[in-house]
């Protein structure tokens, strides 16, 4: 009697961690990913602070991060994760304009950027490409990056690109109507530090007063910042 043939081990699924403060979106994203035979969601978090601890425990291969999070932003989370886990792959999934945020995300350590408005097949393509340790950007943004590389020039963009990531985040929050105290609480820094950043922002943007800064931030709120 012939011995039963030993069953070949199945390939393990790639482990993905989700960071987004919208439960409905996380649920939809988890369903989308787990419908794929080679992907599984190993954990979730709704803030950067929760993500730090849970990611170290769950050991994902890829983290999908939103830019806008309560407390430290997605950019700050990316920087922190790359400092602790330099080999971790990170993909940004955000509603914010990639023309403003993608370059910052890549500088912070992300491998790709997908807008939430993109078709689902784009997201799945991005996930698999980043899992291969490749960079994923939309075709239009890739063309801009390539053109800038060939011409050895920086990517042209608005004056907001002169701001640091922290200053950029403060402008975004001011544009959402946050006061100095609320910005400080949201970012976990002191009000004095926020005021110092506001002064630097005004200088870089050539704004003469705090009122001008507020008007500028409101005019660049959400759809562009």
N, C-alpha and C. Protein backbone atom coordinates (compact mmCIF):
# COMPACT_ATOMS: atom_id res chain seq x y z
N UNK A 1 0.85 -1.20 0.00
CA UNK A 1 0.00 0.00 0.00
C UNK A 1 0.88 1.25 0.00
N UNK A 2 0.60 2.16 -0.93
CA UNK A 2 1.45 3.34 -1.04
C UNK A 2 1.16 4.33 0.10
N UNK A 3 2.22 4.91 0.60
CA UNK A 3 2.06 5.91 1.65
C UNK A 3 1.45 7.17 1.06
N UNK A 4 0.66 7.86 1.88
CA UNK A 4 0.04 9.09 1.40
C UNK A 4 1.12 10.14 1.13
N UNK A 5 0.91 10.83 0.03
CA UNK A 5 1.87 11.88 -0.33
C UNK A 5 1.75 13.04 0.65
N UNK A 6 2.87 13.50 1.12
CA UNK A 6 2.87 14.61 2.08
C UNK A 6 2.40 15.89 1.40
N UNK A 7 1.43 16.56 2.02
CA UNK A 7 0.87 17.78 1.43
C UNK A 7 1.87 18.91 1.51
N UNK A 8 2.02 19.62 0.39
CA UNK A 8 2.94 20.74 0.35
C UNK A 8 2.40 21.88 1.22
N UNK A 9 3.27 22.53 2.00
CA UNK A 9 2.80 23.64 2.83
C UNK A 9 2.31 24.79 1.97
N UNK A 10 1.23 25.41 2.37
CA UNK A 10 0.71 26.55 1.63
C UNK A 10 1.53 27.80 1.95
N UNK A 11 1.61 28.66 0.97
CA UNK A 11 2.37 29.90 1.15
C UNK A 11 1.67 30.78 2.18
N UNK A 12 2.44 31.30 3.12
CA UNK A 12 1.85 32.13 4.16
C UNK A 12 1.36 33.45 3.57
N UNK A 13 0.32 34.00 4.17
CA UNK A 13 -0.24 35.25 3.70
C UNK A 13 0.61 36.42 4.19
N UNK A 14 0.62 37.49 3.42
CA UNK A 14 1.38 38.69 3.79
C UNK A 14 0.58 39.47 4.82
N UNK A 15 1.24 39.86 5.91
CA UNK A 15 0.58 40.48 7.05
C UNK A 15 0.56 42.00 6.91
N UNK A 16 -0.65 42.57 7.05
CA UNK A 16 -0.85 44.01 6.85
C UNK A 16 -1.53 44.61 8.08
N UNK A 17 -1.07 45.77 8.49
CA UNK A 17 -1.64 46.50 9.63
C UNK A 17 -2.26 47.79 9.11
N UNK A 18 -3.47 48.13 9.61
CA UNK A 18 -4.20 49.31 9.15
C UNK A 18 -4.21 50.40 10.22
N UNK A 19 -3.93 51.64 9.81
CA UNK A 19 -4.01 52.79 10.72
C UNK A 19 -4.89 53.86 10.10
N UNK A 20 -6.10 53.99 10.62
CA UNK A 20 -7.05 54.99 10.13
C UNK A 20 -8.08 55.23 11.23
N UNK A 21 -8.51 56.46 11.41
CA UNK A 21 -9.42 56.77 12.52
C UNK A 21 -10.89 56.62 12.14
N UNK A 22 -11.19 56.11 10.94
CA UNK A 22 -12.57 55.88 10.53
C UNK A 22 -12.86 54.38 10.51
N UNK A 23 -13.66 53.87 11.48
CA UNK A 23 -13.93 52.43 11.58
C UNK A 23 -14.56 51.85 10.31
N UNK A 24 -15.46 52.60 9.68
CA UNK A 24 -16.12 52.08 8.48
C UNK A 24 -15.10 51.88 7.36
N UNK A 25 -14.19 52.83 7.21
CA UNK A 25 -13.17 52.69 6.17
C UNK A 25 -12.25 51.52 6.48
N UNK A 26 -11.85 51.37 7.74
CA UNK A 26 -10.98 50.24 8.10
C UNK A 26 -11.67 48.91 7.81
N UNK A 27 -12.97 48.84 8.12
CA UNK A 27 -13.72 47.61 7.87
C UNK A 27 -13.76 47.29 6.38
N UNK A 28 -14.03 48.30 5.56
CA UNK A 28 -14.06 48.08 4.12
C UNK A 28 -12.70 47.69 3.56
N UNK A 29 -11.67 48.32 4.09
CA UNK A 29 -10.31 48.01 3.64
C UNK A 29 -9.91 46.60 4.04
N UNK A 30 -10.27 46.22 5.26
CA UNK A 30 -9.97 44.85 5.71
C UNK A 30 -10.67 43.82 4.83
N UNK A 31 -11.94 44.07 4.51
CA UNK A 31 -12.68 43.13 3.66
C UNK A 31 -12.04 43.04 2.27
N UNK A 32 -11.63 44.18 1.73
CA UNK A 32 -11.01 44.19 0.41
C UNK A 32 -9.71 43.38 0.41
N UNK A 33 -8.88 43.60 1.41
CA UNK A 33 -7.58 42.93 1.46
C UNK A 33 -7.73 41.43 1.72
N UNK A 34 -8.63 41.07 2.64
CA UNK A 34 -8.75 39.66 3.01
C UNK A 34 -9.53 38.85 1.97
N UNK A 35 -10.11 39.52 0.98
CA UNK A 35 -10.71 38.80 -0.14
C UNK A 35 -9.63 38.26 -1.08
N UNK A 36 -8.40 38.77 -0.91
CA UNK A 36 -7.27 38.31 -1.70
C UNK A 36 -6.63 37.11 -1.01
N UNK A 37 -6.28 36.09 -1.78
CA UNK A 37 -5.78 34.83 -1.20
C UNK A 37 -4.42 34.97 -0.53
N UNK A 38 -3.68 36.03 -0.89
CA UNK A 38 -2.31 36.15 -0.37
C UNK A 38 -2.15 37.25 0.68
N UNK A 39 -3.26 37.86 1.10
CA UNK A 39 -3.17 38.98 2.04
C UNK A 39 -4.04 38.74 3.26
N UNK A 40 -3.59 39.26 4.41
CA UNK A 40 -4.41 39.22 5.62
C UNK A 40 -4.11 40.43 6.48
N UNK A 41 -5.14 40.91 7.20
CA UNK A 41 -4.97 42.03 8.12
C UNK A 41 -4.67 41.47 9.50
N UNK A 42 -3.53 41.82 10.05
CA UNK A 42 -3.11 41.27 11.35
C UNK A 42 -3.38 42.21 12.51
N UNK A 43 -3.83 43.45 12.23
CA UNK A 43 -4.11 44.38 13.31
C UNK A 43 -4.57 45.72 12.79
N UNK A 44 -5.14 46.52 13.70
CA UNK A 44 -5.66 47.84 13.35
C UNK A 44 -5.43 48.81 14.50
N UNK A 45 -5.41 50.10 14.16
CA UNK A 45 -5.35 51.15 15.18
C UNK A 45 -5.99 52.40 14.62
N UNK A 46 -6.55 53.22 15.51
CA UNK A 46 -7.21 54.45 15.06
C UNK A 46 -6.41 55.70 15.37
N UNK A 47 -5.16 55.54 15.84
CA UNK A 47 -4.30 56.68 16.12
C UNK A 47 -2.85 56.24 16.05
N UNK A 48 -1.97 57.22 15.91
CA UNK A 48 -0.54 56.91 15.85
C UNK A 48 -0.05 56.32 17.16
N UNK A 49 -0.53 56.85 18.28
CA UNK A 49 -0.07 56.36 19.58
C UNK A 49 -0.40 54.88 19.78
N UNK A 50 -1.61 54.48 19.43
CA UNK A 50 -2.00 53.07 19.56
C UNK A 50 -1.23 52.20 18.56
N UNK A 51 -0.98 52.75 17.39
CA UNK A 51 -0.30 51.98 16.34
C UNK A 51 1.10 51.59 16.74
N UNK A 52 1.83 52.48 17.40
CA UNK A 52 3.22 52.19 17.77
C UNK A 52 3.33 50.87 18.53
N UNK A 53 2.53 50.72 19.58
CA UNK A 53 2.61 49.53 20.42
C UNK A 53 2.08 48.29 19.71
N UNK A 54 0.96 48.42 19.01
CA UNK A 54 0.33 47.26 18.40
C UNK A 54 1.14 46.72 17.21
N UNK A 55 1.80 47.59 16.50
CA UNK A 55 2.60 47.14 15.35
C UNK A 55 3.78 46.31 15.82
N UNK A 56 4.40 46.72 16.90
CA UNK A 56 5.53 45.94 17.41
C UNK A 56 5.09 44.56 17.89
N UNK A 57 3.87 44.45 18.38
CA UNK A 57 3.36 43.16 18.86
C UNK A 57 2.93 42.26 17.71
N UNK A 58 2.29 42.82 16.69
CA UNK A 58 1.72 42.01 15.61
C UNK A 58 2.70 41.71 14.48
N UNK A 59 3.80 42.45 14.42
CA UNK A 59 4.86 42.21 13.42
C UNK A 59 4.36 42.12 11.98
N UNK A 60 3.71 43.17 11.47
CA UNK A 60 3.26 43.15 10.07
C UNK A 60 4.43 43.35 9.11
N UNK A 61 4.20 42.99 7.84
CA UNK A 61 5.17 43.28 6.80
C UNK A 61 4.92 44.65 6.18
N UNK A 62 3.66 45.06 6.22
CA UNK A 62 3.26 46.32 5.60
C UNK A 62 2.26 47.03 6.51
N UNK A 63 2.42 48.35 6.62
CA UNK A 63 1.46 49.18 7.35
C UNK A 63 0.84 50.15 6.36
N UNK A 64 -0.49 50.22 6.35
CA UNK A 64 -1.21 51.20 5.53
C UNK A 64 -1.66 52.32 6.46
N UNK A 65 -1.23 53.54 6.18
CA UNK A 65 -1.39 54.67 7.10
C UNK A 65 -2.16 55.81 6.44
N UNK A 66 -3.08 56.41 7.19
CA UNK A 66 -3.73 57.64 6.75
C UNK A 66 -2.87 58.82 7.22
N UNK A 67 -2.96 59.94 6.52
CA UNK A 67 -2.22 61.14 6.91
C UNK A 67 -2.86 61.81 8.12
N UNK A 68 -4.17 61.98 8.08
CA UNK A 68 -4.88 62.70 9.15
C UNK A 68 -5.30 61.73 10.24
N UNK A 69 -4.66 61.87 11.41
CA UNK A 69 -4.96 61.03 12.56
C UNK A 69 -5.10 61.91 13.79
N UNK A 70 -5.87 61.49 14.78
CA UNK A 70 -5.91 62.25 16.04
C UNK A 70 -4.57 62.17 16.74
N UNK A 71 -4.09 63.29 17.23
CA UNK A 71 -2.76 63.30 17.85
C UNK A 71 -1.70 63.43 16.77
N UNK A 72 -0.56 62.74 16.93
CA UNK A 72 0.48 62.80 15.91
C UNK A 72 -0.06 62.39 14.54
N UNK A 73 0.39 63.08 13.51
CA UNK A 73 -0.10 62.81 12.16
C UNK A 73 0.49 61.54 11.59
N UNK A 74 -0.02 61.14 10.41
CA UNK A 74 0.52 59.98 9.74
C UNK A 74 1.99 60.15 9.39
N UNK A 75 2.39 61.38 9.04
CA UNK A 75 3.80 61.64 8.72
C UNK A 75 4.67 61.39 9.94
N UNK A 76 4.22 61.86 11.11
CA UNK A 76 4.97 61.63 12.34
C UNK A 76 5.03 60.14 12.67
N UNK A 77 3.93 59.42 12.42
CA UNK A 77 3.91 57.98 12.66
C UNK A 77 4.92 57.27 11.76
N UNK A 78 4.95 57.65 10.50
CA UNK A 78 5.89 57.03 9.56
C UNK A 78 7.33 57.22 10.04
N UNK A 79 7.66 58.45 10.44
CA UNK A 79 9.02 58.72 10.91
C UNK A 79 9.35 57.86 12.13
N UNK A 80 8.40 57.78 13.08
CA UNK A 80 8.63 57.00 14.28
C UNK A 80 8.79 55.52 14.00
N UNK A 81 7.96 55.00 13.11
CA UNK A 81 8.04 53.57 12.76
C UNK A 81 9.35 53.25 12.07
N UNK A 82 9.79 54.11 11.17
CA UNK A 82 11.03 53.84 10.45
C UNK A 82 12.24 53.93 11.39
N UNK A 83 12.13 54.78 12.42
CA UNK A 83 13.22 54.87 13.40
C UNK A 83 13.30 53.59 14.22
N UNK A 84 12.15 53.03 14.59
CA UNK A 84 12.11 51.80 15.39
C UNK A 84 12.29 50.55 14.55
N UNK A 85 11.64 50.54 13.37
CA UNK A 85 11.60 49.33 12.53
C UNK A 85 11.99 49.73 11.11
N UNK A 86 13.27 49.91 10.85
CA UNK A 86 13.71 50.44 9.55
C UNK A 86 13.34 49.58 8.35
N UNK A 87 13.11 48.29 8.54
CA UNK A 87 12.77 47.42 7.41
C UNK A 87 11.27 47.32 7.14
N UNK A 88 10.47 47.96 7.98
CA UNK A 88 9.02 47.92 7.81
C UNK A 88 8.61 48.71 6.58
N UNK A 89 7.73 48.14 5.77
CA UNK A 89 7.24 48.81 4.57
C UNK A 89 5.95 49.57 4.90
N UNK A 90 5.83 50.77 4.39
CA UNK A 90 4.69 51.63 4.72
C UNK A 90 4.08 52.21 3.45
N UNK A 91 2.75 52.14 3.37
CA UNK A 91 1.99 52.70 2.26
C UNK A 91 0.98 53.70 2.81
N UNK A 92 0.93 54.88 2.24
CA UNK A 92 -0.03 55.90 2.67
C UNK A 92 -1.29 55.80 1.82
N UNK A 93 -2.44 55.79 2.49
CA UNK A 93 -3.75 55.84 1.83
C UNK A 93 -4.47 57.05 2.40
N UNK A 94 -4.66 58.08 1.60
CA UNK A 94 -5.15 59.35 2.14
C UNK A 94 -6.09 60.06 1.17
N UNK A 95 -6.93 60.94 1.73
CA UNK A 95 -7.81 61.78 0.93
C UNK A 95 -7.08 63.03 0.45
N UNK A 96 -5.91 63.30 1.00
CA UNK A 96 -5.22 64.55 0.70
C UNK A 96 -4.47 64.49 -0.62
N UNK A 97 -4.37 65.63 -1.27
CA UNK A 97 -3.76 65.77 -2.57
C UNK A 97 -2.33 65.22 -2.57
N UNK A 98 -2.06 64.25 -3.43
CA UNK A 98 -0.74 63.64 -3.47
C UNK A 98 0.33 64.64 -3.90
N UNK A 99 -0.06 65.66 -4.66
CA UNK A 99 0.92 66.64 -5.12
C UNK A 99 1.57 67.37 -3.96
N UNK A 100 0.86 67.49 -2.82
CA UNK A 100 1.41 68.14 -1.65
C UNK A 100 1.99 67.16 -0.64
N UNK A 101 1.37 66.00 -0.49
CA UNK A 101 1.74 65.10 0.60
C UNK A 101 2.65 63.94 0.21
N UNK A 102 2.61 63.50 -1.04
CA UNK A 102 3.36 62.29 -1.40
C UNK A 102 4.85 62.46 -1.18
N UNK A 103 5.39 63.60 -1.59
CA UNK A 103 6.82 63.81 -1.43
C UNK A 103 7.22 63.80 0.04
N UNK A 104 6.40 64.41 0.89
CA UNK A 104 6.67 64.41 2.33
C UNK A 104 6.60 62.99 2.89
N UNK A 105 5.62 62.23 2.43
CA UNK A 105 5.46 60.86 2.92
C UNK A 105 6.67 60.00 2.55
N UNK A 106 7.14 60.15 1.32
CA UNK A 106 8.31 59.38 0.88
C UNK A 106 9.57 59.81 1.63
N UNK A 107 9.71 61.11 1.86
CA UNK A 107 10.86 61.58 2.64
C UNK A 107 10.84 61.02 4.05
N UNK A 108 9.63 60.87 4.61
CA UNK A 108 9.50 60.35 5.97
C UNK A 108 9.82 58.86 6.05
N UNK A 109 9.69 58.14 4.91
CA UNK A 109 10.01 56.72 4.92
C UNK A 109 8.98 55.81 4.28
N UNK A 110 7.86 56.37 3.78
CA UNK A 110 6.86 55.55 3.11
C UNK A 110 7.39 55.09 1.76
N UNK A 111 6.80 54.00 1.26
CA UNK A 111 7.20 53.46 -0.04
C UNK A 111 6.18 53.76 -1.13
N UNK A 112 5.01 54.26 -0.72
CA UNK A 112 3.99 54.53 -1.72
C UNK A 112 2.91 55.44 -1.20
N UNK A 113 2.11 55.98 -2.14
CA UNK A 113 1.03 56.90 -1.79
C UNK A 113 -0.14 56.66 -2.73
N UNK A 114 -1.31 56.38 -2.14
CA UNK A 114 -2.53 56.18 -2.92
C UNK A 114 -3.62 57.07 -2.33
N UNK A 115 -4.35 57.76 -3.20
CA UNK A 115 -5.47 58.57 -2.72
C UNK A 115 -6.70 57.69 -2.54
N UNK A 116 -7.52 58.00 -1.55
CA UNK A 116 -8.70 57.18 -1.25
C UNK A 116 -9.71 57.19 -2.40
N UNK A 117 -9.62 58.18 -3.26
CA UNK A 117 -10.55 58.25 -4.39
C UNK A 117 -10.14 57.30 -5.52
N UNK A 118 -8.94 56.71 -5.45
CA UNK A 118 -8.45 55.86 -6.53
C UNK A 118 -9.22 54.54 -6.60
N UNK A 119 -9.31 53.92 -7.76
CA UNK A 119 -9.96 52.61 -7.88
C UNK A 119 -9.29 51.57 -7.01
N UNK A 120 -10.06 50.57 -6.55
CA UNK A 120 -9.51 49.57 -5.63
C UNK A 120 -8.35 48.80 -6.24
N UNK A 121 -8.38 48.59 -7.56
CA UNK A 121 -7.29 47.83 -8.17
C UNK A 121 -5.96 48.58 -8.06
N UNK A 122 -6.01 49.92 -8.01
CA UNK A 122 -4.79 50.69 -7.82
C UNK A 122 -4.21 50.42 -6.43
N UNK A 123 -5.10 50.36 -5.44
CA UNK A 123 -4.63 50.09 -4.08
C UNK A 123 -4.00 48.71 -3.98
N UNK A 124 -4.64 47.71 -4.56
CA UNK A 124 -4.08 46.35 -4.50
C UNK A 124 -2.75 46.27 -5.23
N UNK A 125 -2.64 46.98 -6.35
CA UNK A 125 -1.37 47.04 -7.05
C UNK A 125 -0.30 47.69 -6.18
N UNK A 126 -0.67 48.78 -5.51
CA UNK A 126 0.27 49.48 -4.63
C UNK A 126 0.72 48.58 -3.48
N UNK A 127 -0.23 47.86 -2.88
CA UNK A 127 0.10 46.97 -1.76
C UNK A 127 1.13 45.93 -2.19
N UNK A 128 0.90 45.29 -3.30
CA UNK A 128 1.82 44.23 -3.75
C UNK A 128 3.17 44.79 -4.18
N UNK A 129 3.16 45.99 -4.76
CA UNK A 129 4.42 46.59 -5.18
C UNK A 129 5.25 46.98 -3.96
N UNK A 130 4.61 47.58 -2.97
CA UNK A 130 5.35 47.98 -1.77
C UNK A 130 5.83 46.75 -1.00
N UNK A 131 5.05 45.68 -0.99
CA UNK A 131 5.50 44.44 -0.36
C UNK A 131 6.75 43.88 -1.03
N UNK A 132 6.95 44.21 -2.29
CA UNK A 132 8.17 43.81 -3.00
C UNK A 132 9.31 44.81 -2.77
N UNK A 133 9.04 45.77 -1.90
CA UNK A 133 10.01 46.82 -1.58
C UNK A 133 10.23 47.77 -2.74
N UNK A 134 9.18 47.93 -3.57
CA UNK A 134 9.22 48.89 -4.66
C UNK A 134 8.40 50.12 -4.29
N UNK A 135 8.61 51.20 -5.01
CA UNK A 135 7.87 52.44 -4.76
C UNK A 135 6.64 52.49 -5.65
N UNK A 136 5.52 52.95 -5.08
CA UNK A 136 4.31 53.12 -5.87
C UNK A 136 3.81 54.56 -5.76
N UNK A 137 3.61 55.20 -6.91
CA UNK A 137 2.97 56.51 -7.01
C UNK A 137 2.05 56.47 -8.23
N UNK A 138 1.10 57.38 -8.28
CA UNK A 138 0.23 57.46 -9.44
C UNK A 138 1.08 57.77 -10.68
N UNK A 139 0.54 57.47 -11.85
CA UNK A 139 1.28 57.69 -13.09
C UNK A 139 1.66 59.16 -13.26
N UNK A 140 0.73 60.06 -12.95
CA UNK A 140 1.00 61.49 -13.14
C UNK A 140 2.10 61.97 -12.20
N UNK A 141 2.05 61.52 -10.95
CA UNK A 141 3.07 61.96 -10.01
C UNK A 141 4.42 61.31 -10.31
N UNK A 142 4.40 60.07 -10.75
CA UNK A 142 5.65 59.40 -11.15
C UNK A 142 6.32 60.18 -12.27
N UNK A 143 5.53 60.68 -13.20
CA UNK A 143 6.08 61.44 -14.32
C UNK A 143 6.73 62.73 -13.82
N UNK A 144 6.10 63.37 -12.82
CA UNK A 144 6.69 64.59 -12.25
C UNK A 144 8.01 64.29 -11.57
N UNK A 145 8.05 63.21 -10.78
CA UNK A 145 9.28 62.83 -10.10
C UNK A 145 10.38 62.50 -11.11
N UNK A 146 10.03 61.77 -12.17
CA UNK A 146 11.01 61.40 -13.17
C UNK A 146 11.53 62.63 -13.90
N UNK A 147 10.62 63.54 -14.23
CA UNK A 147 11.03 64.76 -14.91
C UNK A 147 11.96 65.60 -14.05
N UNK A 148 11.66 65.66 -12.75
CA UNK A 148 12.50 66.42 -11.84
C UNK A 148 13.88 65.78 -11.71
N UNK A 149 13.91 64.44 -11.71
CA UNK A 149 15.19 63.73 -11.60
C UNK A 149 16.05 63.97 -12.85
N UNK A 150 15.43 63.87 -14.03
CA UNK A 150 16.17 64.04 -15.28
C UNK A 150 16.73 65.44 -15.40
N UNK A 151 15.92 66.43 -14.99
CA UNK A 151 16.37 67.82 -15.08
C UNK A 151 17.19 68.26 -13.88
N UNK A 152 17.30 67.35 -12.89
CA UNK A 152 18.05 67.63 -11.65
C UNK A 152 17.51 68.86 -10.93
N UNK A 153 16.18 69.00 -10.99
CA UNK A 153 15.51 70.10 -10.29
C UNK A 153 14.54 69.51 -9.29
N UNK A 154 14.20 70.30 -8.27
CA UNK A 154 13.18 69.86 -7.32
C UNK A 154 11.82 69.98 -7.98
N UNK A 155 10.87 69.19 -7.49
CA UNK A 155 9.53 69.23 -8.06
C UNK A 155 8.91 70.60 -7.80
N UNK A 156 8.43 71.28 -8.82
CA UNK A 156 7.82 72.58 -8.59
C UNK A 156 6.55 72.44 -7.78
N UNK A 157 6.29 73.43 -6.96
CA UNK A 157 5.09 73.34 -6.15
C UNK A 157 4.86 74.64 -5.41
N UNK A 158 3.80 74.72 -4.65
CA UNK A 158 3.45 75.94 -3.94
C UNK A 158 4.43 76.24 -2.82
N UNK A 159 4.32 77.43 -2.29
CA UNK A 159 5.22 77.87 -1.23
C UNK A 159 5.11 77.02 0.02
N UNK A 160 4.01 76.29 0.18
CA UNK A 160 3.84 75.42 1.34
C UNK A 160 4.95 74.37 1.43
N UNK A 161 5.57 74.06 0.32
CA UNK A 161 6.63 73.06 0.34
C UNK A 161 7.87 73.55 1.09
N UNK A 162 7.95 74.85 1.35
CA UNK A 162 9.07 75.39 2.11
C UNK A 162 8.92 75.12 3.61
N UNK A 163 7.73 74.69 4.03
CA UNK A 163 7.50 74.45 5.45
C UNK A 163 8.01 73.07 5.85
N UNK A 164 8.42 72.95 7.12
CA UNK A 164 8.77 71.64 7.65
C UNK A 164 7.49 70.82 7.81
N UNK A 165 7.63 69.53 8.05
CA UNK A 165 6.45 68.68 8.23
C UNK A 165 5.60 69.15 9.41
N UNK A 166 6.24 69.55 10.50
CA UNK A 166 5.51 70.02 11.67
C UNK A 166 4.78 71.32 11.35
N UNK A 167 5.45 72.26 10.68
CA UNK A 167 4.82 73.52 10.31
C UNK A 167 3.65 73.29 9.35
N UNK A 168 3.86 72.37 8.43
CA UNK A 168 2.81 72.02 7.48
C UNK A 168 1.57 71.49 8.19
N UNK A 169 1.79 70.64 9.19
CA UNK A 169 0.68 70.08 9.96
C UNK A 169 -0.05 71.17 10.75
N UNK A 170 0.69 72.12 11.29
CA UNK A 170 0.08 73.21 12.06
C UNK A 170 -0.79 74.08 11.14
N UNK A 171 -0.32 74.36 9.94
CA UNK A 171 -1.13 75.13 8.99
C UNK A 171 -2.43 74.38 8.68
N UNK A 172 -2.32 73.06 8.51
CA UNK A 172 -3.52 72.25 8.23
C UNK A 172 -4.53 72.35 9.37
N UNK A 173 -4.04 72.30 10.61
CA UNK A 173 -4.95 72.35 11.76
C UNK A 173 -5.54 73.75 11.92
N UNK A 174 -4.75 74.78 11.69
CA UNK A 174 -5.27 76.14 11.74
C UNK A 174 -6.37 76.30 10.69
N UNK A 175 -6.15 75.70 9.53
CA UNK A 175 -7.15 75.76 8.47
C UNK A 175 -8.44 75.05 8.82
N UNK A 176 -8.36 74.11 9.78
CA UNK A 176 -9.57 73.42 10.24
C UNK A 176 -10.24 74.17 11.39
N UNK A 177 -9.67 75.33 11.77
CA UNK A 177 -10.28 76.15 12.81
C UNK A 177 -9.73 75.92 14.20
N UNK A 178 -8.62 75.20 14.34
CA UNK A 178 -8.04 74.93 15.66
C UNK A 178 -7.38 76.18 16.23
N UNK A 179 -7.57 76.41 17.52
CA UNK A 179 -6.86 77.48 18.21
C UNK A 179 -5.46 76.98 18.57
N UNK A 180 -4.62 77.89 19.06
CA UNK A 180 -3.27 77.50 19.47
C UNK A 180 -3.32 76.42 20.54
N UNK A 181 -4.21 76.57 21.51
CA UNK A 181 -4.33 75.56 22.57
C UNK A 181 -4.76 74.21 22.00
N UNK A 182 -5.70 74.24 21.06
CA UNK A 182 -6.19 72.99 20.46
C UNK A 182 -5.12 72.33 19.59
N UNK A 183 -4.34 73.14 18.88
CA UNK A 183 -3.24 72.60 18.09
C UNK A 183 -2.23 71.91 19.01
N UNK A 184 -1.90 72.58 20.12
CA UNK A 184 -0.95 72.02 21.07
C UNK A 184 -1.44 70.68 21.62
N UNK A 185 -2.72 70.62 21.99
CA UNK A 185 -3.28 69.38 22.52
C UNK A 185 -3.30 68.28 21.46
N UNK A 186 -3.66 68.64 20.22
CA UNK A 186 -3.74 67.66 19.13
C UNK A 186 -2.37 67.06 18.82
N UNK A 187 -1.33 67.89 18.87
CA UNK A 187 0.01 67.44 18.49
C UNK A 187 0.85 67.01 19.69
N UNK A 188 0.34 67.22 20.89
CA UNK A 188 1.08 66.82 22.09
C UNK A 188 2.30 67.67 22.35
N UNK A 189 2.20 68.96 22.05
CA UNK A 189 3.30 69.89 22.30
C UNK A 189 2.77 71.08 23.10
N UNK A 190 3.65 71.95 23.55
CA UNK A 190 3.21 73.08 24.36
C UNK A 190 2.69 74.22 23.48
N UNK A 191 1.87 75.08 24.10
CA UNK A 191 1.38 76.25 23.39
C UNK A 191 2.50 77.16 22.96
N UNK A 192 3.54 77.25 23.79
CA UNK A 192 4.70 78.09 23.46
C UNK A 192 5.39 77.57 22.20
N UNK A 193 5.48 76.24 22.08
CA UNK A 193 6.10 75.65 20.88
C UNK A 193 5.25 75.94 19.65
N UNK A 194 3.94 75.86 19.80
CA UNK A 194 3.04 76.17 18.67
C UNK A 194 3.24 77.61 18.23
N UNK A 195 3.33 78.54 19.19
CA UNK A 195 3.52 79.95 18.85
C UNK A 195 4.85 80.16 18.13
N UNK A 196 5.88 79.43 18.56
CA UNK A 196 7.18 79.53 17.90
C UNK A 196 7.08 79.05 16.45
N UNK A 197 6.37 77.96 16.25
CA UNK A 197 6.17 77.45 14.89
C UNK A 197 5.37 78.45 14.05
N UNK A 198 4.35 79.03 14.66
CA UNK A 198 3.53 80.01 13.93
C UNK A 198 4.39 81.17 13.45
N UNK A 199 5.33 81.62 14.29
CA UNK A 199 6.23 82.70 13.90
C UNK A 199 7.10 82.31 12.72
N UNK A 200 7.63 81.07 12.75
CA UNK A 200 8.44 80.59 11.63
C UNK A 200 7.63 80.48 10.35
N UNK A 201 6.37 80.02 10.50
CA UNK A 201 5.49 79.88 9.34
C UNK A 201 5.22 81.25 8.71
N UNK A 202 4.92 82.23 9.55
CA UNK A 202 4.65 83.58 9.03
C UNK A 202 5.87 84.11 8.28
N UNK A 203 7.05 83.87 8.83
CA UNK A 203 8.28 84.35 8.18
C UNK A 203 8.46 83.68 6.82
N UNK A 204 8.28 82.36 6.78
CA UNK A 204 8.50 81.62 5.52
C UNK A 204 7.46 81.96 4.46
N UNK A 205 6.22 82.26 4.91
CA UNK A 205 5.15 82.57 3.97
C UNK A 205 4.99 84.07 3.73
N UNK A 206 5.87 84.85 4.38
CA UNK A 206 5.83 86.31 4.23
C UNK A 206 4.48 86.88 4.65
N UNK A 207 3.98 86.42 5.79
CA UNK A 207 2.72 86.90 6.35
C UNK A 207 3.03 87.83 7.51
N UNK A 208 2.33 88.95 7.59
CA UNK A 208 2.70 89.97 8.56
C UNK A 208 2.10 89.79 9.94
N UNK A 209 1.03 88.99 10.06
CA UNK A 209 0.37 88.88 11.35
C UNK A 209 -0.27 87.51 11.50
N UNK A 210 -0.70 87.23 12.74
CA UNK A 210 -1.41 85.99 13.01
C UNK A 210 -2.72 85.92 12.26
N UNK A 211 -3.37 87.06 12.07
CA UNK A 211 -4.64 87.09 11.33
C UNK A 211 -4.42 86.70 9.87
N UNK A 212 -3.33 87.18 9.30
CA UNK A 212 -3.01 86.81 7.91
C UNK A 212 -2.74 85.32 7.81
N UNK A 213 -2.08 84.77 8.82
CA UNK A 213 -1.80 83.33 8.84
C UNK A 213 -3.10 82.54 8.88
N UNK A 214 -4.03 82.97 9.72
CA UNK A 214 -5.31 82.27 9.81
C UNK A 214 -6.06 82.33 8.49
N UNK A 215 -6.08 83.51 7.86
CA UNK A 215 -6.76 83.64 6.57
C UNK A 215 -6.11 82.76 5.50
N UNK A 216 -4.78 82.74 5.51
CA UNK A 216 -4.05 81.90 4.56
C UNK A 216 -4.39 80.42 4.79
N UNK A 217 -4.35 79.99 6.05
CA UNK A 217 -4.63 78.58 6.37
C UNK A 217 -6.05 78.19 5.99
N UNK A 218 -6.99 79.07 6.25
CA UNK A 218 -8.40 78.80 5.90
C UNK A 218 -8.58 78.68 4.38
N UNK A 219 -7.85 79.48 3.64
CA UNK A 219 -7.97 79.44 2.18
C UNK A 219 -7.31 78.22 1.57
N UNK A 220 -6.46 77.53 2.37
CA UNK A 220 -5.77 76.33 1.88
C UNK A 220 -6.23 75.09 2.64
N UNK A 221 -7.37 75.18 3.29
CA UNK A 221 -7.82 74.09 4.17
C UNK A 221 -8.27 72.86 3.41
N UNK A 222 -7.92 71.68 3.95
CA UNK A 222 -8.42 70.35 3.58
C UNK A 222 -8.28 69.96 2.12
N UNK A 223 -8.86 70.74 1.20
CA UNK A 223 -8.79 70.30 -0.19
C UNK A 223 -7.39 70.45 -0.76
N UNK A 224 -6.57 71.32 -0.13
CA UNK A 224 -5.22 71.51 -0.64
C UNK A 224 -4.16 71.26 0.41
N UNK A 225 -4.49 71.30 1.71
CA UNK A 225 -3.49 71.15 2.76
C UNK A 225 -3.68 69.83 3.45
